[in-house]
Amino acid sequence: MKLLIFGDSHIPERASKIPSEFDHLFKTLDYDAVICTGDLTSGKVLEYIRSLSDEYYVVRGNMDSLPLPEYQVVRGMVGVIHGYQVYPRGNREQLLDIAKKMKVKVLISGHTHTPDVYRGEVVLLNPGSATGVWGGGRGPGVPSFMLVDVGDKLGVTLFKLEREITEERFEIEL
């Protein structure tokens, strides 16, 4: 199963749209489902996600007023939360505790606006912010998202948009 993962777009409050370079990839890459870690902040972004795939999983972020679930479990092994549930932001110990309670092998979260790949007894993934907007006291970051291939191993490709799109690949045993 291939997953397109992004979040923290904050459209239209902090950004006007997904970067066109990412929009092009979202429409041309091969994947089975879309996962969004929340902070869409508008129904327009939810409609956009629905246009990308018939199978999608979206959770509510701390800035969302949309009627979205707090967490999702994808095919019994991948958990999705926004990340506002832990303090400080991105606290791995607390994220691992949540993953154990959800009984998942992989936990995807956002909220920090900073991409992260952590290999532990549970794999923690954070795609960062699709628009690279300000979040949690930090200045504007680099737009980023992930493409994840879930199989016997986890293949993670992190895409970042600096002057051009860069890719960083990780292969993780499950």
C-alpha atoms as a PDB file:
ATOM      1  CA  MET A   1       0.000   0.000   0.000  1.00  0.00           C
ATOM      2  CA  LYS A   2       1.376   3.420  -0.967  1.00  0.00           C
ATOM      3  CA  LEU A   3       0.367   6.464   1.057  1.00  0.00           C
ATOM      4  CA  LEU A   4       0.634  10.154   0.189  1.00  0.00           C
ATOM      5  CA  ILE A   5       1.041  11.953   3.531  1.00  0.00           C
ATOM      6  CA  PHE A   6       0.861  15.669   4.212  1.00  0.00           C
ATOM      7  CA  GLY A   7      -0.606  18.155   6.686  1.00  0.00           C
ATOM      8  CA  ASP A   8      -0.428  21.540   8.365  1.00  0.00           C
ATOM      9  CA  SER A   9      -1.416  23.444   5.235  1.00  0.00           C
ATOM     10  CA  HIS A  10      -3.193  26.252   7.168  1.00  0.00           C
ATOM     11  CA  ILE A  11      -5.023  27.391   4.033  1.00  0.00           C
ATOM     12  CA  PRO A  12      -6.169  30.197   3.724  1.00  0.00           C
ATOM     13  CA  GLU A  13      -5.009  31.726   7.047  1.00  0.00           C
ATOM     14  CA  ARG A  14      -1.240  31.301   6.611  1.00  0.00           C
ATOM     15  CA  ALA A  15      -0.863  30.145   2.999  1.00  0.00           C
ATOM     16  CA  SER A  16      -2.964  30.649  -0.106  1.00  0.00           C
ATOM     17  CA  LYS A  17      -2.435  27.195  -1.631  1.00  0.00           C
ATOM     18  CA  ILE A  18      -0.347  24.032  -1.815  1.00  0.00           C
ATOM     19  CA  PRO A  19       2.846  24.860  -3.761  1.00  0.00           C
ATOM     20  CA  SER A  20       2.281  24.200  -7.477  1.00  0.00           C
ATOM     21  CA  GLU A  21       5.301  21.858  -7.572  1.00  0.00           C
ATOM     22  CA  PHE A  22       3.652  19.683  -4.896  1.00  0.00           C
ATOM     23  CA  ASP A  23       0.216  19.944  -6.493  1.00  0.00           C
ATOM     24  CA  HIS A  24       1.721  18.548  -9.705  1.00  0.00           C
ATOM     25  CA  LEU A  25       3.299  15.627  -7.809  1.00  0.00           C
ATOM     26  CA  PHE A  26       0.108  14.952  -5.825  1.00  0.00           C
ATOM     27  CA  LYS A  27      -1.717  14.590  -9.139  1.00  0.00           C
ATOM     28  CA  THR A  28       0.915  12.439 -10.881  1.00  0.00           C
ATOM     29  CA  LEU A  29       2.520  10.207  -8.230  1.00  0.00           C
ATOM     30  CA  ASP A  30       1.237   6.652  -7.796  1.00  0.00           C
ATOM     31  CA  TYR A  31      -0.422   6.004  -4.408  1.00  0.00           C
ATOM     32  CA  ASP A  32      -3.408   4.140  -2.986  1.00  0.00           C
ATOM     33  CA  ALA A  33      -4.589   6.558  -0.287  1.00  0.00           C
ATOM     34  CA  VAL A  34      -4.045  10.065   1.070  1.00  0.00           C
ATOM     35  CA  ILE A  35      -3.394  10.767   4.748  1.00  0.00           C
ATOM     36  CA  CYS A  36      -3.672  14.294   6.131  1.00  0.00           C
ATOM     37  CA  THR A  37      -2.445  15.082   9.645  1.00  0.00           C
ATOM     38  CA  GLY A  38      -4.845  17.999  10.114  1.00  0.00           C
ATOM     39  CA  ASP A  39      -4.754  21.782  10.282  1.00  0.00           C
ATOM     40  CA  LEU A  40      -6.401  22.008   6.897  1.00  0.00           C
ATOM     41  CA  THR A  41      -8.354  24.982   8.370  1.00  0.00           C
ATOM     42  CA  SER A  42     -10.846  25.044   5.493  1.00  0.00           C
ATOM     43  CA  GLY A  43     -13.300  22.775   3.747  1.00  0.00           C
ATOM     44  CA  LYS A  44     -11.583  23.759   0.499  1.00  0.00           C
ATOM     45  CA  VAL A  45      -8.538  21.682   1.481  1.00  0.00           C
ATOM     46  CA  LEU A  46     -10.757  18.714   2.401  1.00  0.00           C
ATOM     47  CA  GLU A  47     -12.360  18.915  -1.054  1.00  0.00           C
ATOM     48  CA  TYR A  48      -8.863  18.992  -2.568  1.00  0.00           C
ATOM     49  CA  ILE A  49      -7.904  15.825  -0.649  1.00  0.00           C
ATOM     50  CA  ARG A  50     -11.086  14.089  -1.835  1.00  0.00           C
ATOM     51  CA  SER A  51     -10.182  15.008  -5.430  1.00  0.00           C
ATOM     52  CA  LEU A  52      -6.818  13.255  -5.078  1.00  0.00           C
ATOM     53  CA  SER A  53      -8.055   9.792  -4.024  1.00  0.00           C
ATOM     54  CA  ASP A  54     -11.183   7.815  -3.231  1.00  0.00           C
ATOM     55  CA  GLU A  55      -9.395   6.494  -0.141  1.00  0.00           C
ATOM     56  CA  TYR A  56      -8.344   9.185   2.303  1.00  0.00           C
ATOM     57  CA  TYR A  57      -7.840   9.576   6.050  1.00  0.00           C
ATOM     58  CA  VAL A  58      -7.957  13.015   7.648  1.00  0.00           C
ATOM     59  CA  VAL A  59      -7.722  13.953  11.329  1.00  0.00           C
ATOM     60  CA  ARG A  60      -8.635  17.165  13.129  1.00  0.00           C
ATOM     61  CA  GLY A  61      -5.867  19.583  13.968  1.00  0.00           C
ATOM     62  CA  ASN A  62      -5.928  22.126  16.770  1.00  0.00           C
ATOM     63  CA  MET A  63      -6.766  24.877  14.262  1.00  0.00           C
ATOM     64  CA  ASP A  64      -9.574  22.945  12.522  1.00  0.00           C
ATOM     65  CA  SER A  65     -13.270  23.558  13.062  1.00  0.00           C
ATOM     66  CA  LEU A  66     -14.217  20.868  10.542  1.00  0.00           C
ATOM     67  CA  PRO A  67     -16.046  17.799  11.913  1.00  0.00           C
ATOM     68  CA  LEU A  68     -13.072  15.437  11.655  1.00  0.00           C
ATOM     69  CA  PRO A  69     -12.005  12.543  13.909  1.00  0.00           C
ATOM     70  CA  GLU A  70      -9.211  12.999  16.458  1.00  0.00           C
ATOM     71  CA  TYR A  71      -7.457   9.865  15.245  1.00  0.00           C
ATOM     72  CA  GLN A  72      -7.680   7.217  12.510  1.00  0.00           C
ATOM     73  CA  VAL A  73      -6.282   3.720  12.098  1.00  0.00           C
ATOM     74  CA  VAL A  74      -5.417   2.696   8.548  1.00  0.00           C
ATOM     75  CA  ARG A  75      -5.633  -1.008   7.744  1.00  0.00           C
ATOM     76  CA  GLY A  76      -4.935  -1.997  11.342  1.00  0.00           C
ATOM     77  CA  MET A  77      -1.274  -0.988  11.470  1.00  0.00           C
ATOM     78  CA  VAL A  78      -0.919   2.743  10.762  1.00  0.00           C
ATOM     79  CA  GLY A  79      -2.225   5.314  13.245  1.00  0.00           C
ATOM     80  CA  VAL A  80      -2.848   8.959  12.408  1.00  0.00           C
ATOM     81  CA  ILE A  81      -3.177  11.875  14.851  1.00  0.00           C
ATOM     82  CA  HIS A  82      -2.512  15.581  14.517  1.00  0.00           C
ATOM     83  CA  GLY A  83      -0.037  15.815  17.394  1.00  0.00           C
ATOM     84  CA  TYR A  84      -1.635  18.506  19.552  1.00  0.00           C
ATOM     85  CA  GLN A  85      -2.233  15.657  22.006  1.00  0.00           C
ATOM     86  CA  VAL A  86       1.392  15.810  23.196  1.00  0.00           C
ATOM     87  CA  TYR A  87       3.412  18.533  24.900  1.00  0.00           C
ATOM     88  CA  PRO A  88       5.972  19.653  24.100  1.00  0.00           C
ATOM     89  CA  ARG A  89       5.276  19.414  20.368  1.00  0.00           C
ATOM     90  CA  GLY A  90       6.663  16.262  18.817  1.00  0.00           C
ATOM     91  CA  ASN A  91       7.527  14.573  22.142  1.00  0.00           C
ATOM     92  CA  ARG A  92       8.532  11.086  21.005  1.00  0.00           C
ATOM     93  CA  GLU A  93       7.907   9.340  24.334  1.00  0.00           C
ATOM     94  CA  GLN A  94       4.311  10.553  24.408  1.00  0.00           C
ATOM     95  CA  LEU A  95       3.831   9.731  20.713  1.00  0.00           C
ATOM     96  CA  LEU A  96       5.131   6.210  21.360  1.00  0.00           C
ATOM     97  CA  ASP A  97       2.653   5.840  24.248  1.00  0.00           C
ATOM     98  CA  ILE A  98      -0.193   6.880  21.942  1.00  0.00           C
ATOM     99  CA  ALA A  99       0.961   4.408  19.278  1.00  0.00           C
ATOM    100  CA  LYS A 100       1.019   1.587  21.834  1.00  0.00           C
ATOM    101  CA  LYS A 101      -2.508   2.455  23.001  1.00  0.00           C
ATOM    102  CA  MET A 102      -3.638   2.475  19.362  1.00  0.00           C
ATOM    103  CA  LYS A 103      -1.812  -0.865  18.806  1.00  0.00           C
ATOM    104  CA  VAL A 104      -0.141   0.334  15.609  1.00  0.00           C
ATOM    105  CA  LYS A 105       3.334  -0.244  14.161  1.00  0.00           C
ATOM    106  CA  VAL A 106       3.508   3.197  12.555  1.00  0.00           C
ATOM    107  CA  LEU A 107       2.204   6.487  13.955  1.00  0.00           C
ATOM    108  CA  ILE A 108       1.859   9.487  11.666  1.00  0.00           C
ATOM    109  CA  SER A 109       1.498  12.917  13.251  1.00  0.00           C
ATOM    110  CA  GLY A 110       1.962  16.585  12.374  1.00  0.00           C
ATOM    111  CA  HIS A 111       1.674  19.767  14.443  1.00  0.00           C
ATOM    112  CA  THR A 112       5.417  20.550  14.581  1.00  0.00           C
ATOM    113  CA  HIS A 113       5.588  21.661  10.911  1.00  0.00           C
ATOM    114  CA  THR A 114       8.976  19.914  10.811  1.00  0.00           C
ATOM    115  CA  PRO A 115       9.440  16.583   9.007  1.00  0.00           C
ATOM    116  CA  ASP A 116      10.736  13.679  11.084  1.00  0.00           C
ATOM    117  CA  VAL A 117      11.428   9.970  10.662  1.00  0.00           C
ATOM    118  CA  TYR A 118      12.018   8.043  13.884  1.00  0.00           C
ATOM    119  CA  ARG A 119      12.844   4.337  13.952  1.00  0.00           C
ATOM    120  CA  GLY A 120      12.042   2.725  17.294  1.00  0.00           C
ATOM    121  CA  GLU A 121       9.801  -0.055  18.502  1.00  0.00           C
ATOM    122  CA  VAL A 122       7.139   1.994  16.692  1.00  0.00           C
ATOM    123  CA  VAL A 123       7.980   4.051  13.609  1.00  0.00           C
ATOM    124  CA  LEU A 124       7.050   7.723  14.044  1.00  0.00           C
ATOM    125  CA  LEU A 125       6.542   9.789  10.894  1.00  0.00           C
ATOM    126  CA  ASN A 126       5.853  13.495  10.575  1.00  0.00           C
ATOM    127  CA  PRO A 127       5.515  14.885   7.040  1.00  0.00           C
ATOM    128  CA  GLY A 128       6.054  18.504   8.141  1.00  0.00           C
ATOM    129  CA  SER A 129       3.974  21.297   6.611  1.00  0.00           C
ATOM    130  CA  ALA A 130       2.829  21.001   2.995  1.00  0.00           C
ATOM    131  CA  THR A 131       3.011  24.778   2.656  1.00  0.00           C
ATOM    132  CA  GLY A 132       6.022  25.435   4.899  1.00  0.00           C
ATOM    133  CA  VAL A 133       4.101  27.949   7.008  1.00  0.00           C
ATOM    134  CA  TRP A 134       4.900  29.226  10.478  1.00  0.00           C
ATOM    135  CA  GLY A 135       3.964  26.941  13.347  1.00  0.00           C
ATOM    136  CA  GLY A 136       4.483  26.909  17.100  1.00  0.00           C
ATOM    137  CA  GLY A 137       6.775  29.889  17.412  1.00  0.00           C
ATOM    138  CA  ARG A 138       9.179  28.914  14.646  1.00  0.00           C
ATOM    139  CA  GLY A 139       9.656  30.948  11.515  1.00  0.00           C
ATOM    140  CA  PRO A 140       8.531  29.791   8.087  1.00  0.00           C
ATOM    141  CA  GLY A 141       9.922  26.399   7.247  1.00  0.00           C
ATOM    142  CA  VAL A 142      10.416  24.325   4.153  1.00  0.00           C
ATOM    143  CA  PRO A 143       7.321  22.833   2.493  1.00  0.00           C
ATOM    144  CA  SER A 144       7.413  19.037   2.768  1.00  0.00           C
ATOM    145  CA  PHE A 145       5.406  15.833   2.421  1.00  0.00           C
ATOM    146  CA  MET A 146       5.974  12.065   2.389  1.00  0.00           C
ATOM    147  CA  LEU A 147       5.245   9.144   0.122  1.00  0.00           C
ATOM    148  CA  VAL A 148       5.252   5.906   2.136  1.00  0.00           C
ATOM    149  CA  ASP A 149       5.206   2.352   0.788  1.00  0.00           C
ATOM    150  CA  VAL A 150       3.883  -0.028   3.461  1.00  0.00           C
ATOM    151  CA  GLY A 151       4.843  -3.664   2.988  1.00  0.00           C
ATOM    152  CA  ASP A 152       7.178  -6.074   4.773  1.00  0.00           C
ATOM    153  CA  LYS A 153       9.392  -3.011   5.099  1.00  0.00           C
ATOM    154  CA  LEU A 154       8.480   0.633   5.201  1.00  0.00           C
ATOM    155  CA  GLY A 155       9.808   2.701   2.316  1.00  0.00           C
ATOM    156  CA  VAL A 156       9.643   6.412   3.142  1.00  0.00           C
ATOM    157  CA  THR A 157      10.421   9.193   0.685  1.00  0.00           C
ATOM    158  CA  LEU A 158      10.525  12.689   2.160  1.00  0.00           C
ATOM    159  CA  PHE A 159      10.024  15.469  -0.393  1.00  0.00           C
ATOM    160  CA  LYS A 160      11.150  19.014   0.439  1.00  0.00           C
ATOM    161  CA  LEU A 161      10.782  22.174  -1.622  1.00  0.00           C
ATOM    162  CA  GLU A 162      13.719  24.479  -1.162  1.00  0.00           C
ATOM    163  CA  ARG A 163      15.019  26.024  -4.376  1.00  0.00           C
ATOM    164  CA  GLU A 164      13.935  22.799  -6.026  1.00  0.00           C
ATOM    165  CA  ILE A 165      12.335  19.563  -4.900  1.00  0.00           C
ATOM    166  CA  THR A 166      14.690  17.237  -3.058  1.00  0.00           C
ATOM    167  CA  GLU A 167      14.033  13.653  -2.011  1.00  0.00           C
ATOM    168  CA  GLU A 168      15.398  11.758   0.968  1.00  0.00           C
ATOM    169  CA  ARG A 169      14.738   8.013   1.194  1.00  0.00           C
ATOM    170  CA  PHE A 170      14.512   5.729   4.216  1.00  0.00           C
ATOM    171  CA  GLU A 171      13.980   1.979   4.395  1.00  0.00           C
ATOM    172  CA  ILE A 172      12.757   0.729   7.742  1.00  0.00           C
ATOM    173  CA  GLU A 173      12.218  -2.828   9.011  1.00  0.00           C
ATOM    174  CA  LEU A 174       8.798  -3.378  10.548  1.00  0.00           C
END
